[in-house]
């Protein structure tokens, strides 16, 4: 019986990690800059709305893919 290494079985591809780190840095800089100018709440709300929009889009895409496959 083979021993499976599970500690590194689900690592992200290098490009995905780089894109994720870049996105996080941009969001943090935007929130800090907006907070310093007094618009922190608006920026956090805009980022949350964008994230919610992306999540709903992905859910709808997955649902349509499932429905079209089942139908």
PDB file of N, CA and C in Angstrom:
ATOM      1  N   UNK A   1       0.846  -1.180   0.000  1.00  0.00           N
ATOM      2  CA  UNK A   1       0.000   0.000   0.000  1.00  0.00           C
ATOM      3  C   UNK A   1       0.885   1.234   0.000  1.00  0.00           C
ATOM      4  N   UNK A   2       0.598   2.166  -0.930  1.00  0.00           N
ATOM      5  CA  UNK A   2       1.399   3.371  -1.034  1.00  0.00           C
ATOM      6  C   UNK A   2       0.991   4.394   0.008  1.00  0.00           C
ATOM      7  N   UNK A   3       1.938   5.148   0.482  1.00  0.00           N
ATOM      8  CA  UNK A   3       1.664   6.243   1.404  1.00  0.00           C
ATOM      9  C   UNK A   3       1.516   7.517   0.572  1.00  0.00           C
ATOM     10  N   UNK A   4       0.368   8.148   0.691  1.00  0.00           N
ATOM     11  CA  UNK A   4       0.092   9.356  -0.079  1.00  0.00           C
ATOM     12  C   UNK A   4       0.489  10.574   0.735  1.00  0.00           C
ATOM     13  N   UNK A   5       1.223  11.469   0.106  1.00  0.00           N
ATOM     14  CA  UNK A   5       1.572  12.732   0.764  1.00  0.00           C
ATOM     15  C   UNK A   5       0.390  13.685   0.612  1.00  0.00           C
ATOM     16  N   UNK A   6      -0.259  14.008   1.715  1.00  0.00           N
ATOM     17  CA  UNK A   6      -1.419  14.890   1.646  1.00  0.00           C
ATOM     18  C   UNK A   6      -1.090  16.323   2.027  1.00  0.00           C
ATOM     19  N   UNK A   7       0.076  16.572   2.569  1.00  0.00           N
ATOM     20  CA  UNK A   7       0.376  17.935   3.004  1.00  0.00           C
ATOM     21  C   UNK A   7       0.567  18.887   1.828  1.00  0.00           C
ATOM     22  N   UNK A   8       0.944  18.413   0.677  1.00  0.00           N
ATOM     23  CA  UNK A   8       1.116  19.287  -0.476  1.00  0.00           C
ATOM     24  C   UNK A   8       0.271  18.830  -1.665  1.00  0.00           C
ATOM     25  N   UNK A   9      -0.794  18.109  -1.386  1.00  0.00           N
ATOM     26  CA  UNK A   9      -1.590  17.560  -2.467  1.00  0.00           C
ATOM     27  C   UNK A   9      -2.482  18.615  -3.124  1.00  0.00           C
ATOM     28  N   UNK A  10      -2.801  19.691  -2.434  1.00  0.00           N
ATOM     29  CA  UNK A  10      -3.732  20.674  -2.956  1.00  0.00           C
ATOM     30  C   UNK A  10      -3.109  22.055  -3.108  1.00  0.00           C
ATOM     31  N   UNK A  11      -1.844  22.111  -3.417  1.00  0.00           N
ATOM     32  CA  UNK A  11      -1.223  23.424  -3.564  1.00  0.00           C
ATOM     33  C   UNK A  11      -1.760  24.122  -4.805  1.00  0.00           C
ATOM     34  N   UNK A  12      -1.802  25.449  -4.742  1.00  0.00           N
ATOM     35  CA  UNK A  12      -2.273  26.238  -5.873  1.00  0.00           C
ATOM     36  C   UNK A  12      -1.166  26.360  -6.899  1.00  0.00           C
ATOM     37  N   UNK A  13      -1.516  26.478  -8.165  1.00  0.00           N
ATOM     38  CA  UNK A  13      -0.496  26.741  -9.177  1.00  0.00           C
ATOM     39  C   UNK A  13       0.179  28.088  -8.915  1.00  0.00           C
ATOM     40  N   UNK A  14       1.398  28.230  -9.355  1.00  0.00           N
ATOM     41  CA  UNK A  14       2.174  29.437  -9.080  1.00  0.00           C
ATOM     42  C   UNK A  14       1.475  30.691  -9.603  1.00  0.00           C
ATOM     43  N   UNK A  15       0.862  30.607 -10.796  1.00  0.00           N
ATOM     44  CA  UNK A  15       0.192  31.764 -11.364  1.00  0.00           C
ATOM     45  C   UNK A  15      -1.000  32.187 -10.510  1.00  0.00           C
ATOM     46  N   UNK A  16      -1.720  31.218  -9.973  1.00  0.00           N
ATOM     47  CA  UNK A  16      -2.882  31.523  -9.141  1.00  0.00           C
ATOM     48  C   UNK A  16      -2.458  32.188  -7.844  1.00  0.00           C
ATOM     49  N   UNK A  17      -1.392  31.681  -7.237  1.00  0.00           N
ATOM     50  CA  UNK A  17      -0.892  32.301  -6.004  1.00  0.00           C
ATOM     51  C   UNK A  17      -0.455  33.737  -6.267  1.00  0.00           C
ATOM     52  N   UNK A  18       0.239  33.951  -7.377  1.00  0.00           N
ATOM     53  CA  UNK A  18       0.722  35.292  -7.705  1.00  0.00           C
ATOM     54  C   UNK A  18      -0.441  36.250  -7.925  1.00  0.00           C
ATOM     55  N   UNK A  19      -1.461  35.806  -8.640  1.00  0.00           N
ATOM     56  CA  UNK A  19      -2.633  36.643  -8.892  1.00  0.00           C
ATOM     57  C   UNK A  19      -3.389  36.935  -7.598  1.00  0.00           C
ATOM     58  N   UNK A  20      -3.491  35.943  -6.729  1.00  0.00           N
ATOM     59  CA  UNK A  20      -4.199  36.129  -5.468  1.00  0.00           C
ATOM     60  C   UNK A  20      -3.471  37.119  -4.572  1.00  0.00           C
ATOM     61  N   UNK A  21      -2.170  36.979  -4.468  1.00  0.00           N
ATOM     62  CA  UNK A  21      -1.385  37.907  -3.643  1.00  0.00           C
ATOM     63  C   UNK A  21      -1.489  39.316  -4.208  1.00  0.00           C
ATOM     64  N   UNK A  22      -1.426  39.457  -5.529  1.00  0.00           N
ATOM     65  CA  UNK A  22      -1.544  40.774  -6.150  1.00  0.00           C
ATOM     66  C   UNK A  22      -2.897  41.397  -5.850  1.00  0.00           C
ATOM     67  N   UNK A  23      -3.969  40.612  -5.967  1.00  0.00           N
ATOM     68  CA  UNK A  23      -5.307  41.118  -5.684  1.00  0.00           C
ATOM     69  C   UNK A  23      -5.448  41.543  -4.221  1.00  0.00           C
ATOM     70  N   UNK A  24      -4.929  40.745  -3.314  1.00  0.00           N
ATOM     71  CA  UNK A  24      -5.013  41.083  -1.889  1.00  0.00           C
ATOM     72  C   UNK A  24      -4.252  42.369  -1.602  1.00  0.00           C
ATOM     73  N   UNK A  25      -3.082  42.535  -2.188  1.00  0.00           N
ATOM     74  CA  UNK A  25      -2.299  43.755  -1.977  1.00  0.00           C
ATOM     75  C   UNK A  25      -3.049  44.970  -2.512  1.00  0.00           C
ATOM     76  N   UNK A  26      -3.660  44.849  -3.686  1.00  0.00           N
ATOM     77  CA  UNK A  26      -4.420  45.968  -4.254  1.00  0.00           C
ATOM     78  C   UNK A  26      -5.595  46.334  -3.357  1.00  0.00           C
ATOM     79  N   UNK A  27      -6.303  45.340  -2.862  1.00  0.00           N
ATOM     80  CA  UNK A  27      -7.456  45.609  -1.995  1.00  0.00           C
ATOM     81  C   UNK A  27      -7.010  46.268  -0.696  1.00  0.00           C
ATOM     82  N   UNK A  28      -5.943  45.783  -0.100  1.00  0.00           N
ATOM     83  CA  UNK A  28      -5.456  46.358   1.157  1.00  0.00           C
ATOM     84  C   UNK A  28      -5.015  47.803   0.942  1.00  0.00           C
ATOM     85  N   UNK A  29      -4.285  48.067  -0.119  1.00  0.00           N
ATOM     86  CA  UNK A  29      -3.839  49.438  -0.399  1.00  0.00           C
ATOM     87  C   UNK A  29      -5.033  50.352  -0.647  1.00  0.00           C
ATOM     88  N   UNK A  30      -6.026  49.873  -1.379  1.00  0.00           N
ATOM     89  CA  UNK A  30      -7.217  50.684  -1.647  1.00  0.00           C
ATOM     90  C   UNK A  30      -7.973  51.005  -0.361  1.00  0.00           C
ATOM     91  N   UNK A  31      -8.126  50.019   0.507  1.00  0.00           N
ATOM     92  CA  UNK A  31      -8.853  50.250   1.765  1.00  0.00           C
ATOM     93  C   UNK A  31      -8.082  51.205   2.667  1.00  0.00           C
ATOM     94  N   UNK A  32      -6.774  51.027   2.760  1.00  0.00           N
ATOM     95  CA  UNK A  32      -5.970  51.914   3.614  1.00  0.00           C
ATOM     96  C   UNK A  32      -6.001  53.339   3.077  1.00  0.00           C
ATOM     97  N   UNK A  33      -5.824  53.505   1.769  1.00  0.00           N
ATOM     98  CA  UNK A  33      -5.849  54.846   1.182  1.00  0.00           C
ATOM     99  C   UNK A  33      -7.217  55.498   1.360  1.00  0.00           C
ATOM    100  N   UNK A  34      -8.270  54.739   1.171  1.00  0.00           N
ATOM    101  CA  UNK A  34      -9.614  55.297   1.334  1.00  0.00           C
ATOM    102  C   UNK A  34      -9.901  55.628   2.788  1.00  0.00           C
ATOM    103  N   UNK A  35      -9.405  54.825   3.701  1.00  0.00           N
ATOM    104  CA  UNK A  35      -9.602  55.097   5.119  1.00  0.00           C
ATOM    105  C   UNK A  35      -8.890  56.386   5.518  1.00  0.00           C
ATOM    106  N   UNK A  36      -7.703  56.584   4.981  1.00  0.00           N
ATOM    107  CA  UNK A  36      -6.961  57.809   5.291  1.00  0.00           C
ATOM    108  C   UNK A  36      -7.657  59.051   4.748  1.00  0.00           C
ATOM    109  N   UNK A  37      -8.387  58.905   3.654  1.00  0.00           N
ATOM    110  CA  UNK A  37      -9.096  60.054   3.087  1.00  0.00           C
ATOM    111  C   UNK A  37     -10.536  60.153   3.567  1.00  0.00           C
ATOM    112  N   UNK A  38     -10.975  59.217   4.406  1.00  0.00           N
ATOM    113  CA  UNK A  38     -12.312  59.289   4.986  1.00  0.00           C
ATOM    114  C   UNK A  38     -13.380  58.548   4.216  1.00  0.00           C
ATOM    115  N   UNK A  39     -13.006  57.712   3.264  1.00  0.00           N
ATOM    116  CA  UNK A  39     -13.985  56.987   2.467  1.00  0.00           C
ATOM    117  C   UNK A  39     -13.858  55.477   2.637  1.00  0.00           C
ATOM    118  N   UNK A  40     -13.377  55.042   3.770  1.00  0.00           N
ATOM    119  CA  UNK A  40     -13.134  53.619   4.009  1.00  0.00           C
ATOM    120  C   UNK A  40     -14.381  52.763   3.921  1.00  0.00           C
ATOM    121  N   UNK A  41     -15.478  53.250   4.488  1.00  0.00           N
ATOM    122  CA  UNK A  41     -16.714  52.477   4.485  1.00  0.00           C
ATOM    123  C   UNK A  41     -17.223  52.258   3.063  1.00  0.00           C
ATOM    124  N   UNK A  42     -17.135  53.282   2.238  1.00  0.00           N
ATOM    125  CA  UNK A  42     -17.609  53.165   0.856  1.00  0.00           C
ATOM    126  C   UNK A  42     -16.773  52.161   0.076  1.00  0.00           C
ATOM    127  N   UNK A  43     -15.470  52.159   0.296  1.00  0.00           N
ATOM    128  CA  UNK A  43     -14.601  51.227  -0.431  1.00  0.00           C
ATOM    129  C   UNK A  43     -14.851  49.797   0.028  1.00  0.00           C
ATOM    130  N   UNK A  44     -14.995  49.596   1.322  1.00  0.00           N
ATOM    131  CA  UNK A  44     -15.278  48.245   1.827  1.00  0.00           C
ATOM    132  C   UNK A  44     -16.616  47.753   1.281  1.00  0.00           C
ATOM    133  N   UNK A  45     -17.607  48.639   1.220  1.00  0.00           N
ATOM    134  CA  UNK A  45     -18.906  48.255   0.672  1.00  0.00           C
ATOM    135  C   UNK A  45     -18.792  47.909  -0.814  1.00  0.00           C
ATOM    136  N   UNK A  46     -18.017  48.674  -1.562  1.00  0.00           N
ATOM    137  CA  UNK A  46     -17.844  48.395  -2.993  1.00  0.00           C
ATOM    138  C   UNK A  46     -17.119  47.068  -3.213  1.00  0.00           C
ATOM    139  N   UNK A  47     -16.116  46.791  -2.409  1.00  0.00           N
ATOM    140  CA  UNK A  47     -15.374  45.531  -2.534  1.00  0.00           C
ATOM    141  C   UNK A  47     -16.274  44.356  -2.156  1.00  0.00           C
ATOM    142  N   UNK A  48     -17.073  44.515  -1.100  1.00  0.00           N
ATOM    143  CA  UNK A  48     -17.996  43.451  -0.707  1.00  0.00           C
ATOM    144  C   UNK A  48     -19.046  43.212  -1.787  1.00  0.00           C
ATOM    145  N   UNK A  49     -19.542  44.273  -2.410  1.00  0.00           N
ATOM    146  CA  UNK A  49     -20.512  44.128  -3.486  1.00  0.00           C
ATOM    147  C   UNK A  49     -19.905  43.423  -4.694  1.00  0.00           C
ATOM    148  N   UNK A  50     -18.670  43.770  -5.017  1.00  0.00           N
ATOM    149  CA  UNK A  50     -17.992  43.109  -6.134  1.00  0.00           C
ATOM    150  C   UNK A  50     -17.786  41.622  -5.848  1.00  0.00           C
ATOM    151  N   UNK A  51     -17.375  41.297  -4.622  1.00  0.00           N
ATOM    152  CA  UNK A  51     -17.175  39.895  -4.259  1.00  0.00           C
ATOM    153  C   UNK A  51     -18.494  39.125  -4.295  1.00  0.00           C
ATOM    154  N   UNK A  52     -19.560  39.739  -3.830  1.00  0.00           N
ATOM    155  CA  UNK A  52     -20.873  39.101  -3.867  1.00  0.00           C
ATOM    156  C   UNK A  52     -21.333  38.883  -5.307  1.00  0.00           C
ATOM    157  N   UNK A  53     -21.077  39.851  -6.169  1.00  0.00           N
ATOM    158  CA  UNK A  53     -21.438  39.718  -7.573  1.00  0.00           C
ATOM    159  C   UNK A  53     -20.710  38.550  -8.225  1.00  0.00           C
ATOM    160  N   UNK A  54     -19.425  38.436  -7.952  1.00  0.00           N
ATOM    161  CA  UNK A  54     -18.643  37.330  -8.514  1.00  0.00           C
ATOM    162  C   UNK A  54     -19.143  35.992  -7.988  1.00  0.00           C
ATOM    163  N   UNK A  55     -19.467  35.929  -6.699  1.00  0.00           N
ATOM    164  CA  UNK A  55     -19.955  34.681  -6.120  1.00  0.00           C
ATOM    165  C   UNK A  55     -21.290  34.264  -6.749  1.00  0.00           C
ATOM    166  N   UNK A  56     -22.195  35.209  -6.927  1.00  0.00           N
ATOM    167  CA  UNK A  56     -23.487  34.896  -7.537  1.00  0.00           C
ATOM    168  C   UNK A  56     -23.300  34.467  -8.985  1.00  0.00           C
ATOM    169  N   UNK A  57     -22.408  35.141  -9.704  1.00  0.00           N
ATOM    170  CA  UNK A  57     -22.153  34.765 -11.095  1.00  0.00           C
ATOM    171  C   UNK A  57     -21.629  33.331 -11.195  1.00  0.00           C
ATOM    172  N   UNK A  58     -20.715  32.970 -10.316  1.00  0.00           N
ATOM    173  CA  UNK A  58     -20.166  31.607 -10.337  1.00  0.00           C
ATOM    174  C   UNK A  58     -21.222  30.575  -9.965  1.00  0.00           C
ATOM    175  N   UNK A  59     -22.090  30.899  -9.008  1.00  0.00           N
ATOM    176  CA  UNK A  59     -23.170  29.983  -8.648  1.00  0.00           C
ATOM    177  C   UNK A  59     -24.137  29.791  -9.816  1.00  0.00           C
ATOM    178  N   UNK A  60     -24.481  30.889 -10.480  1.00  0.00           N
ATOM    179  CA  UNK A  60     -25.371  30.776 -11.645  1.00  0.00           C
ATOM    180  C   UNK A  60     -24.721  29.999 -12.779  1.00  0.00           C
ATOM    181  N   UNK A  61     -23.447  30.212 -13.003  1.00  0.00           N
ATOM    182  CA  UNK A  61     -22.741  29.485 -14.053  1.00  0.00           C
ATOM    183  C   UNK A  61     -22.725  27.983 -13.749  1.00  0.00           C
ATOM    184  N   UNK A  62     -22.463  27.634 -12.493  1.00  0.00           N
ATOM    185  CA  UNK A  62     -22.455  26.225 -12.120  1.00  0.00           C
ATOM    186  C   UNK A  62     -23.853  25.616 -12.237  1.00  0.00           C
ATOM    187  N   UNK A  63     -24.872  26.372 -11.851  1.00  0.00           N
ATOM    188  CA  UNK A  63     -26.240  25.873 -11.941  1.00  0.00           C
ATOM    189  C   UNK A  63     -26.654  25.666 -13.392  1.00  0.00           C
ATOM    190  N   UNK A  64     -26.315  26.624 -14.256  1.00  0.00           N
ATOM    191  CA  UNK A  64     -26.660  26.474 -15.668  1.00  0.00           C
ATOM    192  C   UNK A  64     -25.938  25.297 -16.292  1.00  0.00           C
ATOM    193  N   UNK A  65     -24.667  25.128 -15.929  1.00  0.00           N
ATOM    194  CA  UNK A  65     -23.915  23.996 -16.463  1.00  0.00           C
ATOM    195  C   UNK A  65     -24.562  22.685 -16.019  1.00  0.00           C
ATOM    196  N   UNK A  66     -24.993  22.615 -14.764  1.00  0.00           N
ATOM    197  CA  UNK A  66     -25.654  21.413 -14.262  1.00  0.00           C
ATOM    198  C   UNK A  66     -26.986  21.191 -14.956  1.00  0.00           C
ATOM    199  N   UNK A  67     -27.802  22.257 -15.064  1.00  0.00           N
ATOM    200  CA  UNK A  67     -29.120  22.110 -15.670  1.00  0.00           C
ATOM    201  C   UNK A  67     -29.019  21.694 -17.127  1.00  0.00           C
ATOM    202  N   UNK A  68     -28.079  22.263 -17.853  1.00  0.00           N
ATOM    203  CA  UNK A  68     -27.930  21.906 -19.258  1.00  0.00           C
ATOM    204  C   UNK A  68     -27.429  20.482 -19.432  1.00  0.00           C
ATOM    205  N   UNK A  69     -26.657  19.999 -18.495  1.00  0.00           N
ATOM    206  CA  UNK A  69     -26.150  18.639 -18.570  1.00  0.00           C
ATOM    207  C   UNK A  69     -27.244  17.641 -18.213  1.00  0.00           C
ATOM    208  N   UNK A  70     -28.080  17.982 -17.249  1.00  0.00           N
ATOM    209  CA  UNK A  70     -29.128  17.073 -16.788  1.00  0.00           C
ATOM    210  C   UNK A  70     -30.303  17.057 -17.766  1.00  0.00           C
ATOM    211  N   UNK A  71     -30.641  18.203 -18.332  1.00  0.00           N
ATOM    212  CA  UNK A  71     -31.827  18.298 -19.198  1.00  0.00           C
ATOM    213  C   UNK A  71     -31.693  17.530 -20.479  1.00  0.00           C
TER     214      UNK A  71
END
